[in-house]
């Protein structure tokens, strides 16, 4: 497949959106719920992060000539079927695609508690997706730019001290 600048650009945008989401200043749900600007900024950042994932998926599907997705959820189904993302992540990303549709088309029905839950518990799904895409690109290309982006998505784990 070779390097695909559109994918690399969207991986970088995804990283930026996630970094901005991690900076949302809401220590608890009540604080989040009271601040209209914070929850609207959160919704928009989540929407664009999900759209970046969808754009990446659609690009790979088109380049590899995989079957055509029926809808946004199907983009992640195809990536799972083709072994590009783990099946365990596939269902979580399909939920994100449904959530994106809610944000865009049914914005009057948005539940702030659900958005806050995603903000606090589901941002790691973006990391997992990006790592899977970078690993896929590395398998299919020998690109320095792709290898450089991999370092952005490596998991750094704290070492646990062994206690007697």
N, C-alpha and C. Protein backbone atom coordinates (compact mmCIF):
# COMPACT_ATOMS: atom_id res chain seq x y z
N UNK A 1 0.82 -1.19 0.00
CA UNK A 1 0.00 0.00 0.00
C UNK A 1 0.86 1.25 0.00
N UNK A 2 2.01 1.24 0.65
CA UNK A 2 2.86 2.42 0.69
C UNK A 2 2.33 3.47 1.64
N UNK A 3 3.12 4.50 1.82
CA UNK A 3 2.70 5.57 2.73
C UNK A 3 1.47 6.27 2.17
N UNK A 4 0.55 6.57 3.03
CA UNK A 4 -0.63 7.31 2.65
C UNK A 4 -0.70 8.55 3.52
N UNK A 5 -0.41 9.66 2.94
CA UNK A 5 -0.34 10.92 3.69
C UNK A 5 -1.66 11.24 4.38
N UNK A 6 -2.78 10.94 3.74
CA UNK A 6 -4.08 11.23 4.35
C UNK A 6 -4.26 10.46 5.65
N UNK A 7 -3.81 9.22 5.68
CA UNK A 7 -3.92 8.42 6.90
C UNK A 7 -3.00 8.97 7.98
N UNK A 8 -1.78 9.29 7.61
CA UNK A 8 -0.81 9.83 8.57
C UNK A 8 -1.32 11.15 9.15
N UNK A 9 -1.88 12.01 8.30
CA UNK A 9 -2.43 13.29 8.77
C UNK A 9 -3.57 13.05 9.74
N UNK A 10 -4.45 12.12 9.43
CA UNK A 10 -5.58 11.86 10.31
C UNK A 10 -5.16 11.18 11.61
N UNK A 11 -4.12 10.37 11.56
CA UNK A 11 -3.59 9.83 12.81
C UNK A 11 -3.08 10.95 13.72
N UNK A 12 -2.43 11.92 13.12
CA UNK A 12 -1.94 13.06 13.90
C UNK A 12 -3.11 13.88 14.44
N UNK A 13 -4.14 14.11 13.63
CA UNK A 13 -5.32 14.82 14.11
C UNK A 13 -5.98 14.06 15.26
N UNK A 14 -6.08 12.75 15.12
CA UNK A 14 -6.67 11.93 16.18
C UNK A 14 -5.88 12.09 17.47
N UNK A 15 -4.56 12.08 17.37
CA UNK A 15 -3.71 12.27 18.55
C UNK A 15 -3.98 13.63 19.19
N UNK A 16 -4.10 14.65 18.36
CA UNK A 16 -4.36 16.01 18.87
C UNK A 16 -5.73 16.10 19.54
N UNK A 17 -6.75 15.54 18.90
CA UNK A 17 -8.09 15.58 19.48
C UNK A 17 -8.11 14.86 20.83
N UNK A 18 -7.46 13.71 20.87
CA UNK A 18 -7.44 12.96 22.13
C UNK A 18 -6.70 13.75 23.21
N UNK A 19 -5.60 14.38 22.86
CA UNK A 19 -4.85 15.19 23.84
C UNK A 19 -5.73 16.33 24.36
N UNK A 20 -6.50 16.94 23.48
CA UNK A 20 -7.40 18.02 23.91
C UNK A 20 -8.51 17.49 24.80
N UNK A 21 -9.04 16.32 24.48
CA UNK A 21 -10.07 15.72 25.32
C UNK A 21 -9.54 15.41 26.72
N UNK A 22 -8.29 14.99 26.79
CA UNK A 22 -7.69 14.68 28.09
C UNK A 22 -7.50 15.93 28.94
N UNK A 23 -7.55 17.10 28.32
CA UNK A 23 -7.39 18.36 29.05
C UNK A 23 -8.72 18.98 29.47
N UNK A 24 -9.83 18.35 29.14
CA UNK A 24 -11.14 18.90 29.52
C UNK A 24 -11.19 18.99 31.05
N UNK A 25 -11.44 20.20 31.57
CA UNK A 25 -11.38 20.41 33.02
C UNK A 25 -12.69 20.07 33.74
N UNK A 26 -13.00 18.81 33.85
CA UNK A 26 -14.21 18.39 34.55
C UNK A 26 -13.84 17.28 35.53
N UNK A 27 -13.73 17.64 36.79
CA UNK A 27 -13.32 16.68 37.80
C UNK A 27 -14.43 15.68 38.12
N UNK A 28 -15.68 16.10 37.96
CA UNK A 28 -16.80 15.21 38.23
C UNK A 28 -17.96 15.55 37.29
N UNK A 29 -18.97 14.69 37.29
CA UNK A 29 -20.06 14.89 36.36
C UNK A 29 -20.82 16.19 36.61
N UNK A 30 -21.04 16.53 37.87
CA UNK A 30 -21.78 17.76 38.17
C UNK A 30 -21.07 18.98 37.59
N UNK A 31 -19.77 19.03 37.72
CA UNK A 31 -19.00 20.14 37.15
C UNK A 31 -19.12 20.14 35.63
N UNK A 32 -19.02 18.97 35.04
CA UNK A 32 -19.16 18.84 33.59
C UNK A 32 -20.55 19.30 33.14
N UNK A 33 -21.57 18.81 33.80
CA UNK A 33 -22.94 19.07 33.41
C UNK A 33 -23.31 20.55 33.52
N UNK A 34 -22.75 21.26 34.48
CA UNK A 34 -23.05 22.68 34.68
C UNK A 34 -22.42 23.57 33.61
N UNK A 35 -21.37 23.11 32.96
CA UNK A 35 -20.63 23.98 32.05
C UNK A 35 -20.97 23.65 30.59
N UNK A 36 -21.86 24.44 30.02
CA UNK A 36 -22.32 24.24 28.65
C UNK A 36 -21.16 24.20 27.65
N UNK A 37 -20.23 25.13 27.79
CA UNK A 37 -19.11 25.19 26.83
C UNK A 37 -18.23 23.95 26.92
N UNK A 38 -18.04 23.44 28.11
CA UNK A 38 -17.21 22.23 28.26
C UNK A 38 -17.90 21.04 27.60
N UNK A 39 -19.19 20.86 27.86
CA UNK A 39 -19.77 19.66 27.23
C UNK A 39 -19.96 19.83 25.74
N UNK A 40 -20.14 21.02 25.23
CA UNK A 40 -20.21 21.19 23.78
C UNK A 40 -18.84 21.00 23.13
N UNK A 41 -17.78 21.48 23.78
CA UNK A 41 -16.42 21.25 23.27
C UNK A 41 -16.10 19.76 23.27
N UNK A 42 -16.50 19.07 24.33
CA UNK A 42 -16.27 17.62 24.43
C UNK A 42 -16.99 16.89 23.30
N UNK A 43 -18.24 17.24 23.08
CA UNK A 43 -19.01 16.59 22.01
C UNK A 43 -18.33 16.80 20.66
N UNK A 44 -17.91 18.00 20.38
CA UNK A 44 -17.28 18.29 19.08
C UNK A 44 -15.95 17.55 18.93
N UNK A 45 -15.15 17.54 19.97
CA UNK A 45 -13.86 16.83 19.90
C UNK A 45 -14.08 15.33 19.73
N UNK A 46 -15.07 14.77 20.43
CA UNK A 46 -15.37 13.35 20.24
C UNK A 46 -15.84 13.08 18.82
N UNK A 47 -16.70 13.94 18.31
CA UNK A 47 -17.20 13.77 16.94
C UNK A 47 -16.04 13.77 15.95
N UNK A 48 -15.14 14.74 16.05
CA UNK A 48 -14.06 14.82 15.08
C UNK A 48 -13.05 13.68 15.26
N UNK A 49 -12.85 13.22 16.48
CA UNK A 49 -11.97 12.07 16.70
C UNK A 49 -12.56 10.82 16.05
N UNK A 50 -13.85 10.62 16.24
CA UNK A 50 -14.52 9.47 15.62
C UNK A 50 -14.47 9.58 14.10
N UNK A 51 -14.70 10.79 13.58
CA UNK A 51 -14.65 10.98 12.14
C UNK A 51 -13.25 10.72 11.59
N UNK A 52 -12.22 11.06 12.34
CA UNK A 52 -10.85 10.75 11.90
C UNK A 52 -10.67 9.24 11.79
N UNK A 53 -11.19 8.50 12.76
CA UNK A 53 -11.11 7.03 12.70
C UNK A 53 -11.87 6.50 11.49
N UNK A 54 -13.05 7.04 11.25
CA UNK A 54 -13.83 6.60 10.10
C UNK A 54 -13.13 6.92 8.79
N UNK A 55 -12.55 8.11 8.69
CA UNK A 55 -11.82 8.48 7.47
C UNK A 55 -10.65 7.53 7.21
N UNK A 56 -9.93 7.21 8.27
CA UNK A 56 -8.80 6.28 8.14
C UNK A 56 -9.31 4.92 7.66
N UNK A 57 -10.36 4.44 8.31
CA UNK A 57 -10.91 3.14 7.93
C UNK A 57 -11.41 3.11 6.50
N UNK A 58 -12.13 4.14 6.09
CA UNK A 58 -12.65 4.21 4.72
C UNK A 58 -11.52 4.26 3.70
N UNK A 59 -10.46 4.97 4.05
CA UNK A 59 -9.31 5.07 3.14
C UNK A 59 -8.66 3.70 2.93
N UNK A 60 -8.46 2.99 4.02
CA UNK A 60 -7.85 1.66 3.92
C UNK A 60 -8.76 0.71 3.14
N UNK A 61 -10.05 0.76 3.42
CA UNK A 61 -11.01 -0.10 2.73
C UNK A 61 -10.97 0.16 1.22
N UNK A 62 -10.93 1.42 0.84
CA UNK A 62 -10.89 1.77 -0.59
C UNK A 62 -9.57 1.32 -1.22
N UNK A 63 -8.46 1.58 -0.55
CA UNK A 63 -7.16 1.22 -1.13
C UNK A 63 -6.98 -0.28 -1.26
N UNK A 64 -7.48 -1.01 -0.29
CA UNK A 64 -7.32 -2.47 -0.30
C UNK A 64 -8.43 -3.18 -1.08
N UNK A 65 -9.41 -2.38 -1.51
CA UNK A 65 -10.55 -2.92 -2.27
C UNK A 65 -11.32 -3.98 -1.48
N UNK A 66 -11.49 -3.70 -0.19
CA UNK A 66 -12.33 -4.55 0.64
C UNK A 66 -13.78 -4.26 0.26
N UNK A 67 -14.69 -5.05 0.78
CA UNK A 67 -16.11 -4.82 0.47
C UNK A 67 -16.52 -3.42 0.90
N UNK A 68 -17.52 -2.87 0.23
CA UNK A 68 -17.98 -1.51 0.50
C UNK A 68 -18.80 -1.49 1.79
N UNK A 69 -18.51 -0.57 2.72
CA UNK A 69 -19.27 -0.52 3.98
C UNK A 69 -20.69 -0.01 3.76
N UNK A 70 -21.62 -0.64 4.45
CA UNK A 70 -23.03 -0.24 4.35
C UNK A 70 -23.32 1.04 5.13
N UNK A 71 -22.55 1.28 6.20
CA UNK A 71 -22.72 2.47 7.03
C UNK A 71 -21.43 2.66 7.84
N UNK A 72 -21.42 3.65 8.71
CA UNK A 72 -20.21 3.93 9.48
C UNK A 72 -19.83 2.78 10.41
N UNK A 73 -20.80 2.13 11.00
CA UNK A 73 -20.49 0.99 11.87
C UNK A 73 -19.80 -0.12 11.09
N UNK A 74 -20.22 -0.30 9.86
CA UNK A 74 -19.68 -1.36 9.01
C UNK A 74 -18.21 -1.11 8.67
N UNK A 75 -17.78 0.15 8.68
CA UNK A 75 -16.36 0.45 8.45
C UNK A 75 -15.51 -0.34 9.45
N UNK A 76 -15.91 -0.30 10.72
CA UNK A 76 -15.14 -1.00 11.75
C UNK A 76 -15.33 -2.51 11.66
N UNK A 77 -16.51 -2.95 11.23
CA UNK A 77 -16.72 -4.39 11.01
C UNK A 77 -15.74 -4.92 9.97
N UNK A 78 -15.61 -4.19 8.88
CA UNK A 78 -14.71 -4.61 7.80
C UNK A 78 -13.26 -4.63 8.28
N UNK A 79 -12.86 -3.60 9.00
CA UNK A 79 -11.48 -3.57 9.52
C UNK A 79 -11.23 -4.75 10.46
N UNK A 80 -12.24 -5.13 11.23
CA UNK A 80 -12.12 -6.30 12.10
C UNK A 80 -12.06 -7.59 11.30
N UNK A 81 -12.94 -7.73 10.31
CA UNK A 81 -12.96 -8.92 9.45
C UNK A 81 -11.63 -9.13 8.75
N UNK A 82 -11.00 -8.04 8.36
CA UNK A 82 -9.76 -8.12 7.60
C UNK A 82 -8.52 -8.19 8.51
N UNK A 83 -8.75 -8.22 9.82
CA UNK A 83 -7.63 -8.37 10.76
C UNK A 83 -6.82 -7.10 10.97
N UNK A 84 -7.38 -5.97 10.62
CA UNK A 84 -6.65 -4.71 10.78
C UNK A 84 -6.80 -4.17 12.20
N UNK A 85 -7.99 -4.35 12.77
CA UNK A 85 -8.19 -4.01 14.18
C UNK A 85 -8.65 -5.27 14.90
N UNK A 86 -8.35 -5.39 16.19
CA UNK A 86 -8.80 -6.58 16.93
C UNK A 86 -10.33 -6.62 17.03
N UNK A 87 -10.88 -7.82 17.02
CA UNK A 87 -12.33 -7.98 17.13
C UNK A 87 -12.85 -7.39 18.44
N UNK A 88 -12.06 -7.45 19.50
CA UNK A 88 -12.49 -6.89 20.78
C UNK A 88 -12.68 -5.38 20.70
N UNK A 89 -11.94 -4.73 19.83
CA UNK A 89 -12.07 -3.28 19.65
C UNK A 89 -13.19 -2.94 18.67
N UNK A 90 -13.50 -3.84 17.79
CA UNK A 90 -14.48 -3.61 16.74
C UNK A 90 -15.83 -3.16 17.32
N UNK A 91 -16.36 -3.87 18.29
CA UNK A 91 -17.66 -3.53 18.86
C UNK A 91 -17.63 -2.18 19.56
N UNK A 92 -16.54 -1.87 20.21
CA UNK A 92 -16.42 -0.58 20.91
C UNK A 92 -16.42 0.57 19.90
N UNK A 93 -15.73 0.37 18.78
CA UNK A 93 -15.70 1.41 17.75
C UNK A 93 -17.05 1.52 17.02
N UNK A 94 -17.76 0.42 16.88
CA UNK A 94 -19.10 0.49 16.32
C UNK A 94 -20.01 1.32 17.22
N UNK A 95 -19.85 1.17 18.54
CA UNK A 95 -20.59 2.02 19.48
C UNK A 95 -20.24 3.49 19.26
N UNK A 96 -18.96 3.75 19.04
CA UNK A 96 -18.52 5.13 18.79
C UNK A 96 -19.15 5.67 17.50
N UNK A 97 -19.26 4.84 16.47
CA UNK A 97 -19.87 5.29 15.22
C UNK A 97 -21.35 5.63 15.45
N UNK A 98 -22.05 4.80 16.23
CA UNK A 98 -23.44 5.10 16.56
C UNK A 98 -23.53 6.40 17.36
N UNK A 99 -22.60 6.59 18.28
CA UNK A 99 -22.57 7.81 19.09
C UNK A 99 -22.32 9.03 18.21
N UNK A 100 -21.43 8.90 17.24
CA UNK A 100 -21.16 10.00 16.30
C UNK A 100 -22.43 10.39 15.55
N UNK A 101 -23.21 9.39 15.13
CA UNK A 101 -24.47 9.67 14.44
C UNK A 101 -25.45 10.41 15.35
N UNK A 102 -25.47 10.04 16.61
CA UNK A 102 -26.30 10.75 17.58
C UNK A 102 -25.86 12.21 17.70
N UNK A 103 -24.56 12.43 17.81
CA UNK A 103 -24.04 13.80 17.92
C UNK A 103 -24.41 14.65 16.71
N UNK A 104 -24.34 14.06 15.54
CA UNK A 104 -24.55 14.81 14.30
C UNK A 104 -26.03 14.96 13.96
N UNK A 105 -26.80 13.88 14.11
CA UNK A 105 -28.16 13.88 13.59
C UNK A 105 -29.25 14.00 14.66
N UNK A 106 -28.95 13.58 15.87
CA UNK A 106 -29.97 13.61 16.92
C UNK A 106 -29.46 14.37 18.14
N UNK A 107 -28.84 15.50 17.89
CA UNK A 107 -28.18 16.28 18.92
C UNK A 107 -29.11 16.71 20.05
N UNK A 108 -30.41 16.76 19.80
CA UNK A 108 -31.36 17.14 20.85
C UNK A 108 -31.52 16.03 21.90
N UNK A 109 -31.06 14.82 21.57
CA UNK A 109 -31.22 13.67 22.46
C UNK A 109 -29.94 13.32 23.22
N UNK A 110 -28.93 14.17 23.14
CA UNK A 110 -27.65 13.85 23.77
C UNK A 110 -27.79 13.85 25.29
N UNK A 111 -27.30 12.79 25.89
CA UNK A 111 -27.31 12.64 27.34
C UNK A 111 -25.92 12.99 27.86
N UNK A 112 -25.82 14.05 28.64
CA UNK A 112 -24.51 14.48 29.13
C UNK A 112 -23.81 13.41 29.96
N UNK A 113 -24.56 12.57 30.64
CA UNK A 113 -23.95 11.50 31.44
C UNK A 113 -23.22 10.50 30.54
N UNK A 114 -23.79 10.21 29.38
CA UNK A 114 -23.15 9.28 28.44
C UNK A 114 -21.88 9.91 27.88
N UNK A 115 -21.97 11.18 27.49
CA UNK A 115 -20.79 11.87 26.96
C UNK A 115 -19.68 11.90 28.01
N UNK A 116 -20.04 12.22 29.23
CA UNK A 116 -19.05 12.28 30.31
C UNK A 116 -18.42 10.89 30.54
N UNK A 117 -19.24 9.85 30.48
CA UNK A 117 -18.73 8.49 30.62
C UNK A 117 -17.72 8.14 29.54
N UNK A 118 -18.00 8.55 28.32
CA UNK A 118 -17.06 8.31 27.22
C UNK A 118 -15.78 9.09 27.48
N UNK A 119 -15.91 10.34 27.89
CA UNK A 119 -14.75 11.17 28.18
C UNK A 119 -13.85 10.54 29.23
N UNK A 120 -14.44 9.96 30.25
CA UNK A 120 -13.66 9.43 31.37
C UNK A 120 -13.22 7.98 31.18
N UNK A 121 -13.93 7.21 30.33
CA UNK A 121 -13.65 5.77 30.28
C UNK A 121 -13.30 5.21 28.91
N UNK A 122 -13.52 5.95 27.82
CA UNK A 122 -13.39 5.33 26.51
C UNK A 122 -12.34 5.95 25.59
N UNK A 123 -11.62 6.95 26.06
CA UNK A 123 -10.63 7.60 25.18
C UNK A 123 -9.51 6.64 24.78
N UNK A 124 -9.25 5.63 25.59
CA UNK A 124 -8.24 4.63 25.25
C UNK A 124 -8.55 3.86 23.98
N UNK A 125 -9.82 3.84 23.59
CA UNK A 125 -10.19 3.16 22.34
C UNK A 125 -9.52 3.83 21.14
N UNK A 126 -9.36 5.15 21.23
CA UNK A 126 -8.69 5.86 20.14
C UNK A 126 -7.23 5.45 20.04
N UNK A 127 -6.57 5.28 21.19
CA UNK A 127 -5.18 4.80 21.21
C UNK A 127 -5.07 3.42 20.58
N UNK A 128 -5.97 2.53 20.99
CA UNK A 128 -5.94 1.16 20.48
C UNK A 128 -6.15 1.13 18.97
N UNK A 129 -7.08 1.96 18.51
CA UNK A 129 -7.33 2.03 17.06
C UNK A 129 -6.08 2.53 16.33
N UNK A 130 -5.52 3.63 16.83
CA UNK A 130 -4.34 4.21 16.16
C UNK A 130 -3.18 3.22 16.15
N UNK A 131 -2.95 2.54 17.25
CA UNK A 131 -1.86 1.55 17.29
C UNK A 131 -2.10 0.43 16.28
N UNK A 132 -3.36 -0.03 16.19
CA UNK A 132 -3.67 -1.09 15.23
C UNK A 132 -3.44 -0.62 13.79
N UNK A 133 -3.81 0.62 13.50
CA UNK A 133 -3.61 1.15 12.14
C UNK A 133 -2.13 1.29 11.84
N UNK A 134 -1.37 1.81 12.79
CA UNK A 134 0.07 1.96 12.57
C UNK A 134 0.72 0.59 12.38
N UNK A 135 0.33 -0.39 13.17
CA UNK A 135 0.88 -1.74 12.99
C UNK A 135 0.53 -2.29 11.61
N UNK A 136 -0.68 -2.06 11.17
CA UNK A 136 -1.09 -2.49 9.83
C UNK A 136 -0.24 -1.80 8.76
N UNK A 137 -0.07 -0.49 8.90
CA UNK A 137 0.74 0.25 7.92
C UNK A 137 2.18 -0.25 7.92
N UNK A 138 2.70 -0.56 9.08
CA UNK A 138 4.07 -1.09 9.15
C UNK A 138 4.18 -2.44 8.46
N UNK A 139 3.14 -3.25 8.57
CA UNK A 139 3.17 -4.56 7.91
C UNK A 139 3.12 -4.40 6.40
N UNK A 140 2.50 -3.34 5.91
CA UNK A 140 2.29 -3.19 4.48
C UNK A 140 3.21 -2.17 3.83
N UNK A 141 3.99 -1.47 4.63
CA UNK A 141 4.86 -0.43 4.06
C UNK A 141 6.14 -0.34 4.86
N UNK A 142 7.16 0.12 4.22
CA UNK A 142 8.45 0.30 4.86
C UNK A 142 8.72 1.79 5.00
N UNK A 143 7.81 2.49 5.60
CA UNK A 143 7.84 3.94 5.58
C UNK A 143 8.39 4.55 6.86
N UNK A 144 9.33 5.42 6.76
CA UNK A 144 9.89 6.10 7.92
C UNK A 144 8.83 6.95 8.63
N UNK A 145 7.98 7.64 7.89
CA UNK A 145 6.95 8.49 8.50
C UNK A 145 6.01 7.66 9.35
N UNK A 146 5.66 6.48 8.88
CA UNK A 146 4.77 5.61 9.63
C UNK A 146 5.46 5.15 10.91
N UNK A 147 6.73 4.76 10.82
CA UNK A 147 7.46 4.32 12.01
C UNK A 147 7.55 5.44 13.04
N UNK A 148 7.72 6.66 12.59
CA UNK A 148 7.79 7.79 13.52
C UNK A 148 6.48 7.98 14.26
N UNK A 149 5.35 7.79 13.58
CA UNK A 149 4.05 7.95 14.24
C UNK A 149 3.79 6.85 15.24
N UNK A 150 4.40 5.69 15.05
CA UNK A 150 4.20 4.59 15.98
C UNK A 150 4.61 4.99 17.39
N UNK A 151 5.67 5.78 17.51
CA UNK A 151 6.13 6.15 18.84
C UNK A 151 5.08 6.99 19.57
N UNK A 152 4.21 7.67 18.87
CA UNK A 152 3.17 8.47 19.51
C UNK A 152 2.11 7.60 20.18
N UNK A 153 2.01 6.35 19.75
CA UNK A 153 0.95 5.50 20.26
C UNK A 153 1.46 4.31 21.06
N UNK A 154 2.69 4.32 21.42
CA UNK A 154 3.20 3.24 22.27
C UNK A 154 2.65 3.42 23.68
N UNK A 155 2.34 2.33 24.28
CA UNK A 155 1.83 2.38 25.64
C UNK A 155 3.02 2.43 26.59
N UNK A 156 3.03 3.41 27.42
CA UNK A 156 4.07 3.47 28.44
C UNK A 156 3.45 2.98 29.73
N UNK A 157 4.03 1.98 30.27
CA UNK A 157 3.49 1.37 31.48
C UNK A 157 4.40 1.71 32.66
N UNK A 158 3.76 2.01 33.76
CA UNK A 158 4.51 2.24 34.98
C UNK A 158 4.96 0.90 35.52
N UNK A 159 6.17 0.88 35.96
CA UNK A 159 6.66 -0.35 36.57
C UNK A 159 6.13 -0.44 37.98
N UNK A 160 5.64 -1.58 38.29
CA UNK A 160 5.14 -1.81 39.65
C UNK A 160 6.29 -2.34 40.51
N UNK A 161 6.38 -1.79 41.67
CA UNK A 161 7.41 -2.29 42.56
C UNK A 161 6.93 -3.58 43.19
N UNK A 162 7.82 -4.51 43.32
CA UNK A 162 7.49 -5.78 43.93
C UNK A 162 7.62 -5.64 45.43
N UNK A 163 6.52 -5.86 46.09
CA UNK A 163 6.53 -5.76 47.55
C UNK A 163 6.52 -7.15 48.14
N UNK A 164 7.29 -7.32 49.21
CA UNK A 164 7.33 -8.67 49.84
C UNK A 164 6.03 -9.06 50.49
